[in-house]
Full PDB file with SEQRES, HELIX, SHEET, SSBOND, CRYST1, ORIGX, SCALE, CONECT and MASTER records, all heavy atoms in Angstrom:
SEQRES   1 A   32  LEU ALA ASP ALA MET VAL PRO TYR LEU VAL SER CYS GLY          
SEQRES   2 A   32  ILE GLN TYR VAL ARG ASN THR PRO ASP MET THR ALA ALA          
SEQRES   3 A   32  SER SER ILE ARG GLN ALA                                      
HELIX    1 AA1 ALA A    2  SER A   11  1                                  10    
HELIX    2 AA2 ALA A   25  GLN A   31  1                                   7    
CRYST1    1.000    1.000    1.000  90.00  90.00  90.00 P 1           1          
ORIGX1      1.000000  0.000000  0.000000        0.00000                         
ORIGX2      0.000000  1.000000  0.000000        0.00000                         
ORIGX3      0.000000  0.000000  1.000000        0.00000                         
SCALE1      1.000000  0.000000  0.000000        0.00000                         
SCALE2      0.000000  1.000000  0.000000        0.00000                         
SCALE3      0.000000  0.000000  1.000000        0.00000                         
ATOM      1  N   LEU A   1     103.950 120.915  92.107  1.00  0.00           N  
ATOM      2  CA  LEU A   1     103.771 119.762  92.973  1.00  0.00           C  
ATOM      3  C   LEU A   1     103.374 118.545  92.160  1.00  0.00           C  
ATOM      4  O   LEU A   1     103.924 117.429  92.347  1.00  0.00           O  
ATOM      5  CB  LEU A   1     102.765 120.058  94.087  1.00  0.00           C  
ATOM      6  CG  LEU A   1     102.412 118.927  95.033  1.00  0.00           C  
ATOM      7  CD1 LEU A   1     103.671 118.409  95.758  1.00  0.00           C  
ATOM      8  CD2 LEU A   1     101.391 119.388  96.061  1.00  0.00           C  
ATOM      9  N   ALA A   2     102.408 118.719  91.276  1.00  0.00           N  
ATOM     10  CA  ALA A   2     101.992 117.584  90.387  1.00  0.00           C  
ATOM     11  C   ALA A   2     103.194 117.103  89.525  1.00  0.00           C  
ATOM     12  O   ALA A   2     103.386 115.880  89.366  1.00  0.00           O  
ATOM     13  CB  ALA A   2     100.851 117.993  89.507  1.00  0.00           C  
ATOM     14  N   ASP A   3     103.982 118.056  89.023  1.00  0.00           N  
ATOM     15  CA  ASP A   3     105.202 117.667  88.249  1.00  0.00           C  
ATOM     16  C   ASP A   3     106.077 116.760  89.108  1.00  0.00           C  
ATOM     17  O   ASP A   3     106.617 115.789  88.593  1.00  0.00           O  
ATOM     18  CB  ASP A   3     105.971 118.900  87.825  1.00  0.00           C  
ATOM     19  CG  ASP A   3     105.274 119.761  86.780  1.00  0.00           C  
ATOM     20  OD1 ASP A   3     104.337 119.252  86.115  1.00  0.00           O  
ATOM     21  OD2 ASP A   3     105.691 120.931  86.593  1.00  0.00           O  
ATOM     22  N   ALA A   4     106.278 117.196  90.379  1.00  0.00           N  
ATOM     23  CA  ALA A   4     107.194 116.420  91.224  1.00  0.00           C  
ATOM     24  C   ALA A   4     106.622 115.056  91.610  1.00  0.00           C  
ATOM     25  O   ALA A   4     107.395 114.131  91.935  1.00  0.00           O  
ATOM     26  CB  ALA A   4     107.462 117.229  92.468  1.00  0.00           C  
ATOM     27  N   MET A   5     105.317 114.899  91.548  1.00  0.00           N  
ATOM     28  CA  MET A   5     104.712 113.602  91.854  1.00  0.00           C  
ATOM     29  C   MET A   5     104.928 112.589  90.731  1.00  0.00           C  
ATOM     30  O   MET A   5     104.937 111.379  90.974  1.00  0.00           O  
ATOM     31  CB  MET A   5     103.210 113.754  92.103  1.00  0.00           C  
ATOM     32  CG  MET A   5     102.854 114.463  93.406  1.00  0.00           C  
ATOM     33  SD  MET A   5     101.030 114.751  93.542  1.00  0.00           S  
ATOM     34  CE  MET A   5     100.434 113.049  93.689  1.00  0.00           C  
ATOM     35  N   VAL A   6     105.022 113.066  89.502  1.00  0.00           N  
ATOM     36  CA  VAL A   6     104.979 112.157  88.356  1.00  0.00           C  
ATOM     37  C   VAL A   6     106.050 111.064  88.382  1.00  0.00           C  
ATOM     38  O   VAL A   6     105.687 109.861  88.166  1.00  0.00           O  
ATOM     39  CB  VAL A   6     105.055 112.961  87.033  1.00  0.00           C  
ATOM     40  CG1 VAL A   6     105.377 112.060  85.841  1.00  0.00           C  
ATOM     41  CG2 VAL A   6     103.729 113.721  86.799  1.00  0.00           C  
ATOM     42  N   PRO A   7     107.318 111.368  88.658  1.00  0.00           N  
ATOM     43  CA  PRO A   7     108.297 110.269  88.695  1.00  0.00           C  
ATOM     44  C   PRO A   7     107.967 109.185  89.714  1.00  0.00           C  
ATOM     45  O   PRO A   7     108.236 108.006  89.493  1.00  0.00           O  
ATOM     46  CB  PRO A   7     109.629 110.946  89.061  1.00  0.00           C  
ATOM     47  CG  PRO A   7     109.399 112.409  88.688  1.00  0.00           C  
ATOM     48  CD  PRO A   7     107.951 112.657  88.947  1.00  0.00           C  
ATOM     49  N   TYR A   8     107.358 109.575  90.842  1.00  0.00           N  
ATOM     50  CA  TYR A   8     106.971 108.596  91.883  1.00  0.00           C  
ATOM     51  C   TYR A   8     105.778 107.801  91.469  1.00  0.00           C  
ATOM     52  O   TYR A   8     105.668 106.591  91.735  1.00  0.00           O  
ATOM     53  CB  TYR A   8     106.737 109.325  93.216  1.00  0.00           C  
ATOM     54  CG  TYR A   8     107.992 109.959  93.771  1.00  0.00           C  
ATOM     55  CD1 TYR A   8     108.262 111.311  93.536  1.00  0.00           C  
ATOM     56  CD2 TYR A   8     108.933 109.248  94.477  1.00  0.00           C  
ATOM     57  CE1 TYR A   8     109.389 111.904  94.029  1.00  0.00           C  
ATOM     58  CE2 TYR A   8     110.060 109.801  94.982  1.00  0.00           C  
ATOM     59  CZ  TYR A   8     110.289 111.168  94.730  1.00  0.00           C  
ATOM     60  OH  TYR A   8     111.478 111.747  95.206  1.00  0.00           O  
ATOM     61  N   LEU A   9     104.800 108.450  90.831  1.00  0.00           N  
ATOM     62  CA  LEU A   9     103.636 107.740  90.313  1.00  0.00           C  
ATOM     63  C   LEU A   9     104.121 106.648  89.313  1.00  0.00           C  
ATOM     64  O   LEU A   9     103.656 105.513  89.371  1.00  0.00           O  
ATOM     65  CB  LEU A   9     102.640 108.698  89.640  1.00  0.00           C  
ATOM     66  CG  LEU A   9     101.920 109.668  90.553  1.00  0.00           C  
ATOM     67  CD1 LEU A   9     101.185 110.695  89.715  1.00  0.00           C  
ATOM     68  CD2 LEU A   9     100.984 108.965  91.505  1.00  0.00           C  
ATOM     69  N   VAL A  10     104.995 107.070  88.423  1.00  0.00           N  
ATOM     70  CA  VAL A  10     105.447 106.128  87.385  1.00  0.00           C  
ATOM     71  C   VAL A  10     106.238 104.973  87.986  1.00  0.00           C  
ATOM     72  O   VAL A  10     106.019 103.796  87.642  1.00  0.00           O  
ATOM     73  CB  VAL A  10     106.336 106.859  86.348  1.00  0.00           C  
ATOM     74  CG1 VAL A  10     106.994 105.912  85.375  1.00  0.00           C  
ATOM     75  CG2 VAL A  10     105.468 107.889  85.584  1.00  0.00           C  
ATOM     76  N   SER A  11     107.143 105.287  88.940  1.00  0.00           N  
ATOM     77  CA  SER A  11     107.980 104.199  89.535  1.00  0.00           C  
ATOM     78  C   SER A  11     107.119 103.283  90.385  1.00  0.00           C  
ATOM     79  O   SER A  11     107.465 102.090  90.535  1.00  0.00           O  
ATOM     80  CB  SER A  11     109.089 104.805  90.338  1.00  0.00           C  
ATOM     81  OG  SER A  11     108.588 105.499  91.464  1.00  0.00           O  
ATOM     82  N   CYS A  12     106.021 103.774  90.972  1.00  0.00           N  
ATOM     83  CA  CYS A  12     105.160 102.933  91.794  1.00  0.00           C  
ATOM     84  C   CYS A  12     104.046 102.235  91.030  1.00  0.00           C  
ATOM     85  O   CYS A  12     103.235 101.524  91.568  1.00  0.00           O  
ATOM     86  CB  CYS A  12     104.540 103.802  92.878  1.00  0.00           C  
ATOM     87  SG  CYS A  12     105.743 104.432  94.093  1.00  0.00           S  
ATOM     88  N   GLY A  13     104.015 102.434  89.693  1.00  0.00           N  
ATOM     89  CA  GLY A  13     103.053 101.739  88.876  1.00  0.00           C  
ATOM     90  C   GLY A  13     101.661 102.317  88.896  1.00  0.00           C  
ATOM     91  O   GLY A  13     100.674 101.622  88.568  1.00  0.00           O  
ATOM     92  N   ILE A  14     101.557 103.565  89.275  1.00  0.00           N  
ATOM     93  CA  ILE A  14     100.229 104.259  89.326  1.00  0.00           C  
ATOM     94  C   ILE A  14     100.114 105.108  88.091  1.00  0.00           C  
ATOM     95  O   ILE A  14     100.876 106.058  87.898  1.00  0.00           O  
ATOM     96  CB  ILE A  14     100.062 105.136  90.583  1.00  0.00           C  
ATOM     97  CG1 ILE A  14     100.184 104.258  91.847  1.00  0.00           C  
ATOM     98  CG2 ILE A  14      98.731 105.885  90.544  1.00  0.00           C  
ATOM     99  CD1 ILE A  14     100.222 105.052  93.135  1.00  0.00           C  
ATOM    100  N   GLN A  15      99.143 104.759  87.223  1.00  0.00           N  
ATOM    101  CA  GLN A  15      98.928 105.569  86.023  1.00  0.00           C  
ATOM    102  C   GLN A  15      98.099 106.797  86.374  1.00  0.00           C  
ATOM    103  O   GLN A  15      97.422 106.838  87.389  1.00  0.00           O  
ATOM    104  CB  GLN A  15      98.215 104.733  84.975  1.00  0.00           C  
ATOM    105  CG  GLN A  15      98.996 103.464  84.582  1.00  0.00           C  
ATOM    106  CD  GLN A  15      98.242 102.653  83.568  1.00  0.00           C  
ATOM    107  OE1 GLN A  15      98.187 102.945  82.377  1.00  0.00           O  
ATOM    108  NE2 GLN A  15      97.617 101.557  84.032  1.00  0.00           N  
ATOM    109  N   TYR A  16      98.210 107.782  85.504  1.00  0.00           N  
ATOM    110  CA  TYR A  16      97.470 109.047  85.830  1.00  0.00           C  
ATOM    111  C   TYR A  16      97.060 109.734  84.521  1.00  0.00           C  
ATOM    112  O   TYR A  16      97.694 109.571  83.451  1.00  0.00           O  
ATOM    113  CB  TYR A  16      98.342 109.962  86.673  1.00  0.00           C  
ATOM    114  CG  TYR A  16      99.537 110.532  85.909  1.00  0.00           C  
ATOM    115  CD1 TYR A  16      99.443 111.763  85.270  1.00  0.00           C  
ATOM    116  CD2 TYR A  16     100.673 109.777  85.798  1.00  0.00           C  
ATOM    117  CE1 TYR A  16     100.528 112.285  84.550  1.00  0.00           C  
ATOM    118  CE2 TYR A  16     101.801 110.312  85.108  1.00  0.00           C  
ATOM    119  CZ  TYR A  16     101.702 111.525  84.484  1.00  0.00           C  
ATOM    120  OH  TYR A  16     102.757 112.018  83.750  1.00  0.00           O  
ATOM    121  N   VAL A  17      95.991 110.488  84.625  1.00  0.00           N  
ATOM    122  CA  VAL A  17      95.611 111.514  83.622  1.00  0.00           C  
ATOM    123  C   VAL A  17      95.546 112.814  84.407  1.00  0.00           C  
ATOM    124  O   VAL A  17      95.056 112.874  85.524  1.00  0.00           O  
ATOM    125  CB  VAL A  17      94.304 111.146  82.950  1.00  0.00           C  
ATOM    126  CG1 VAL A  17      93.799 112.330  82.070  1.00  0.00           C  
ATOM    127  CG2 VAL A  17      94.464 109.895  82.100  1.00  0.00           C  
ATOM    128  N   ARG A  18      95.980 113.894  83.773  1.00  0.00           N  
ATOM    129  CA  ARG A  18      96.113 115.139  84.475  1.00  0.00           C  
ATOM    130  C   ARG A  18      95.434 116.264  83.731  1.00  0.00           C  
ATOM    131  O   ARG A  18      95.467 116.296  82.520  1.00  0.00           O  
ATOM    132  CB  ARG A  18      97.618 115.423  84.652  1.00  0.00           C  
ATOM    133  CG  ARG A  18      97.995 116.725  85.306  1.00  0.00           C  
ATOM    134  CD  ARG A  18      99.480 116.779  85.469  1.00  0.00           C  
ATOM    135  NE  ARG A  18     100.005 118.067  85.794  1.00  0.00           N  
ATOM    136  CZ  ARG A  18     101.265 118.406  85.996  1.00  0.00           C  
ATOM    137  NH1 ARG A  18     102.171 117.425  85.894  1.00  0.00           N  
ATOM    138  NH2 ARG A  18     101.633 119.630  86.252  1.00  0.00           N  
ATOM    139  N   ASN A  19      94.841 117.175  84.459  1.00  0.00           N  
ATOM    140  CA  ASN A  19      94.240 118.368  83.816  1.00  0.00           C  
ATOM    141  C   ASN A  19      95.347 119.264  83.311  1.00  0.00           C  
ATOM    142  O   ASN A  19      96.518 119.037  83.474  1.00  0.00           O  
ATOM    143  CB  ASN A  19      93.265 119.059  84.752  1.00  0.00           C  
ATOM    144  CG  ASN A  19      93.972 119.764  85.919  1.00  0.00           C  
ATOM    145  OD1 ASN A  19      95.180 119.703  86.070  1.00  0.00           O  
ATOM    146  ND2 ASN A  19      93.176 120.398  86.764  1.00  0.00           N  
ATOM    147  N   THR A  20      94.964 120.387  82.709  1.00  0.00           N  
ATOM    148  CA  THR A  20      95.908 121.363  82.224  1.00  0.00           C  
ATOM    149  C   THR A  20      95.557 122.739  82.790  1.00  0.00           C  
ATOM    150  O   THR A  20      94.377 122.985  83.153  1.00  0.00           O  
ATOM    151  CB  THR A  20      95.891 121.419  80.664  1.00  0.00           C  
ATOM    152  OG1 THR A  20      94.579 121.750  80.224  1.00  0.00           O  
ATOM    153  CG2 THR A  20      96.331 120.072  80.076  1.00  0.00           C  
ATOM    154  N   PRO A  21      96.511 123.657  82.881  1.00  0.00           N  
ATOM    155  CA  PRO A  21      96.250 124.953  83.495  1.00  0.00           C  
ATOM    156  C   PRO A  21      95.177 125.777  82.828  1.00  0.00           C  
ATOM    157  O   PRO A  21      94.561 126.654  83.483  1.00  0.00           O  
ATOM    158  CB  PRO A  21      97.599 125.657  83.395  1.00  0.00           C  
ATOM    159  CG  PRO A  21      98.626 124.555  83.374  1.00  0.00           C  
ATOM    160  CD  PRO A  21      97.944 123.463  82.583  1.00  0.00           C  
ATOM    161  N   ASP A  22      94.902 125.531  81.541  1.00  0.00           N  
ATOM    162  CA  ASP A  22      93.852 126.312  80.850  1.00  0.00           C  
ATOM    163  C   ASP A  22      92.447 125.783  81.174  1.00  0.00           C  
ATOM    164  O   ASP A  22      91.449 126.392  80.760  1.00  0.00           O  
ATOM    165  CB  ASP A  22      94.075 126.299  79.378  1.00  0.00           C  
ATOM    166  CG  ASP A  22      94.028 124.894  78.773  1.00  0.00           C  
ATOM    167  OD1 ASP A  22      94.595 123.992  79.394  1.00  0.00           O  
ATOM    168  OD2 ASP A  22      93.464 124.748  77.696  1.00  0.00           O  
ATOM    169  N   MET A  23      92.330 124.712  81.922  1.00  0.00           N  
ATOM    170  CA  MET A  23      91.037 124.176  82.314  1.00  0.00           C  
ATOM    171  C   MET A  23      90.524 124.817  83.580  1.00  0.00           C  
ATOM    172  O   MET A  23      91.179 125.707  84.179  1.00  0.00           O  
ATOM    173  CB  MET A  23      91.154 122.643  82.513  1.00  0.00           C  
ATOM    174  CG  MET A  23      91.510 121.864  81.245  1.00  0.00           C  
ATOM    175  SD  MET A  23      91.868 120.144  81.493  1.00  0.00           S  
ATOM    176  CE  MET A  23      90.256 119.523  81.934  1.00  0.00           C  
ATOM    177  N   THR A  24      89.371 124.414  84.014  1.00  0.00           N  
ATOM    178  CA  THR A  24      88.775 124.876  85.256  1.00  0.00           C  
ATOM    179  C   THR A  24      88.488 123.635  86.113  1.00  0.00           C  
ATOM    180  O   THR A  24      88.596 122.497  85.629  1.00  0.00           O  
ATOM    181  CB  THR A  24      87.459 125.637  85.046  1.00  0.00           C  
ATOM    182  OG1 THR A  24      86.499 124.739  84.451  1.00  0.00           O  
ATOM    183  CG2 THR A  24      87.654 126.850  84.112  1.00  0.00           C  
ATOM    184  N   ALA A  25      88.053 123.861  87.384  1.00  0.00           N  
ATOM    185  CA  ALA A  25      87.661 122.740  88.178  1.00  0.00           C  
ATOM    186  C   ALA A  25      86.484 121.998  87.538  1.00  0.00           C  
ATOM    187  O   ALA A  25      86.467 120.771  87.499  1.00  0.00           O  
ATOM    188  CB  ALA A  25      87.281 123.215  89.594  1.00  0.00           C  
ATOM    189  N   ALA A  26      85.540 122.762  86.970  1.00  0.00           N  
ATOM    190  CA  ALA A  26      84.398 122.158  86.357  1.00  0.00           C  
ATOM    191  C   ALA A  26      84.735 121.302  85.159  1.00  0.00           C  
ATOM    192  O   ALA A  26      84.262 120.177  84.983  1.00  0.00           O  
ATOM    193  CB  ALA A  26      83.370 123.241  85.956  1.00  0.00           C  
ATOM    194  N   SER A  27      85.619 121.830  84.294  1.00  0.00           N  
ATOM    195  CA  SER A  27      85.998 121.052  83.082  1.00  0.00           C  
ATOM    196  C   SER A  27      86.917 119.866  83.494  1.00  0.00           C  
ATOM    197  O   SER A  27      86.880 118.828  82.823  1.00  0.00           O  
ATOM    198  CB  SER A  27      86.730 121.959  82.077  1.00  0.00           C  
ATOM    199  OG  SER A  27      87.913 122.495  82.569  1.00  0.00           O  
ATOM    200  N   SER A  28      87.653 120.001  84.557  1.00  0.00           N  
ATOM    201  CA  SER A  28      88.428 118.834  85.071  1.00  0.00           C  
ATOM    202  C   SER A  28      87.508 117.716  85.528  1.00  0.00           C  
ATOM    203  O   SER A  28      87.740 116.539  85.198  1.00  0.00           O  
ATOM    204  CB  SER A  28      89.331 119.271  86.239  1.00  0.00           C  
ATOM    205  OG  SER A  28      90.251 120.260  85.859  1.00  0.00           O  
ATOM    206  N   ILE A  29      86.456 118.108  86.231  1.00  0.00           N  
ATOM    207  CA  ILE A  29      85.487 117.086  86.670  1.00  0.00           C  
ATOM    208  C   ILE A  29      84.818 116.413  85.478  1.00  0.00           C  
ATOM    209  O   ILE A  29      84.651 115.205  85.435  1.00  0.00           O  
ATOM    210  CB  ILE A  29      84.445 117.736  87.619  1.00  0.00           C  
ATOM    211  CG1 ILE A  29      85.120 118.231  88.896  1.00  0.00           C  
ATOM    212  CG2 ILE A  29      83.359 116.750  87.926  1.00  0.00           C  
ATOM    213  CD1 ILE A  29      84.243 119.198  89.670  1.00  0.00           C  
ATOM    214  N   ARG A  30      84.434 117.252  84.487  1.00  0.00           N  
ATOM    215  CA  ARG A  30      83.776 116.691  83.322  1.00  0.00           C  
ATOM    216  C   ARG A  30      84.698 115.731  82.582  1.00  0.00           C  
ATOM    217  O   ARG A  30      84.276 114.642  82.137  1.00  0.00           O  
ATOM    218  CB  ARG A  30      83.327 117.803  82.374  1.00  0.00           C  
ATOM    219  CG  ARG A  30      82.105 118.559  82.839  1.00  0.00           C  
ATOM    220  CD  ARG A  30      81.521 119.402  81.729  1.00  0.00           C  
ATOM    221  NE  ARG A  30      82.441 120.348  81.202  1.00  0.00           N  
ATOM    222  CZ  ARG A  30      82.546 121.607  81.650  1.00  0.00           C  
ATOM    223  NH1 ARG A  30      81.833 122.007  82.696  1.00  0.00           N  
ATOM    224  NH2 ARG A  30      83.418 122.448  81.106  1.00  0.00           N  
ATOM    225  N   GLN A  31      85.961 116.114  82.434  1.00  0.00           N  
ATOM    226  CA  GLN A  31      86.914 115.230  81.745  1.00  0.00           C  
ATOM    227  C   GLN A  31      87.097 113.912  82.483  1.00  0.00           C  
ATOM    228  O   GLN A  31      87.110 112.833  81.929  1.00  0.00           O  
ATOM    229  CB  GLN A  31      88.260 115.944  81.610  1.00  0.00           C  
ATOM    230  CG  GLN A  31      89.298 115.078  80.843  1.00  0.00           C  
ATOM    231  CD  GLN A  31      90.679 115.752  80.730  1.00  0.00           C  
ATOM    232  OE1 GLN A  31      91.297 115.949  81.746  1.00  0.00           O  
ATOM    233  NE2 GLN A  31      91.077 116.100  79.536  1.00  0.00           N  
ATOM    234  N   ALA A  32      87.220 114.006  83.819  1.00  0.00           N  
ATOM    235  CA  ALA A  32      87.363 112.790  84.623  1.00  0.00           C  
ATOM    236  C   ALA A  32      86.139 111.883  84.498  1.00  0.00           C  
ATOM    237  O   ALA A  32      86.236 110.708  84.282  1.00  0.00           O  
ATOM    238  CB  ALA A  32      87.631 113.163  86.080  1.00  0.00           C  
TER     239      ALA A  32                                                      
MASTER        0    0    0    2    0    0    0    6  238    1    0    3          
END                                                                             
């Protein structure tokens, strides 16, 4: 689902940073 969002984010001018599958919710929060 996140993969499918990316082209729309890019075309709409919304930048993003994304976690990776080897992370956890906790490490995602820390990174953010």
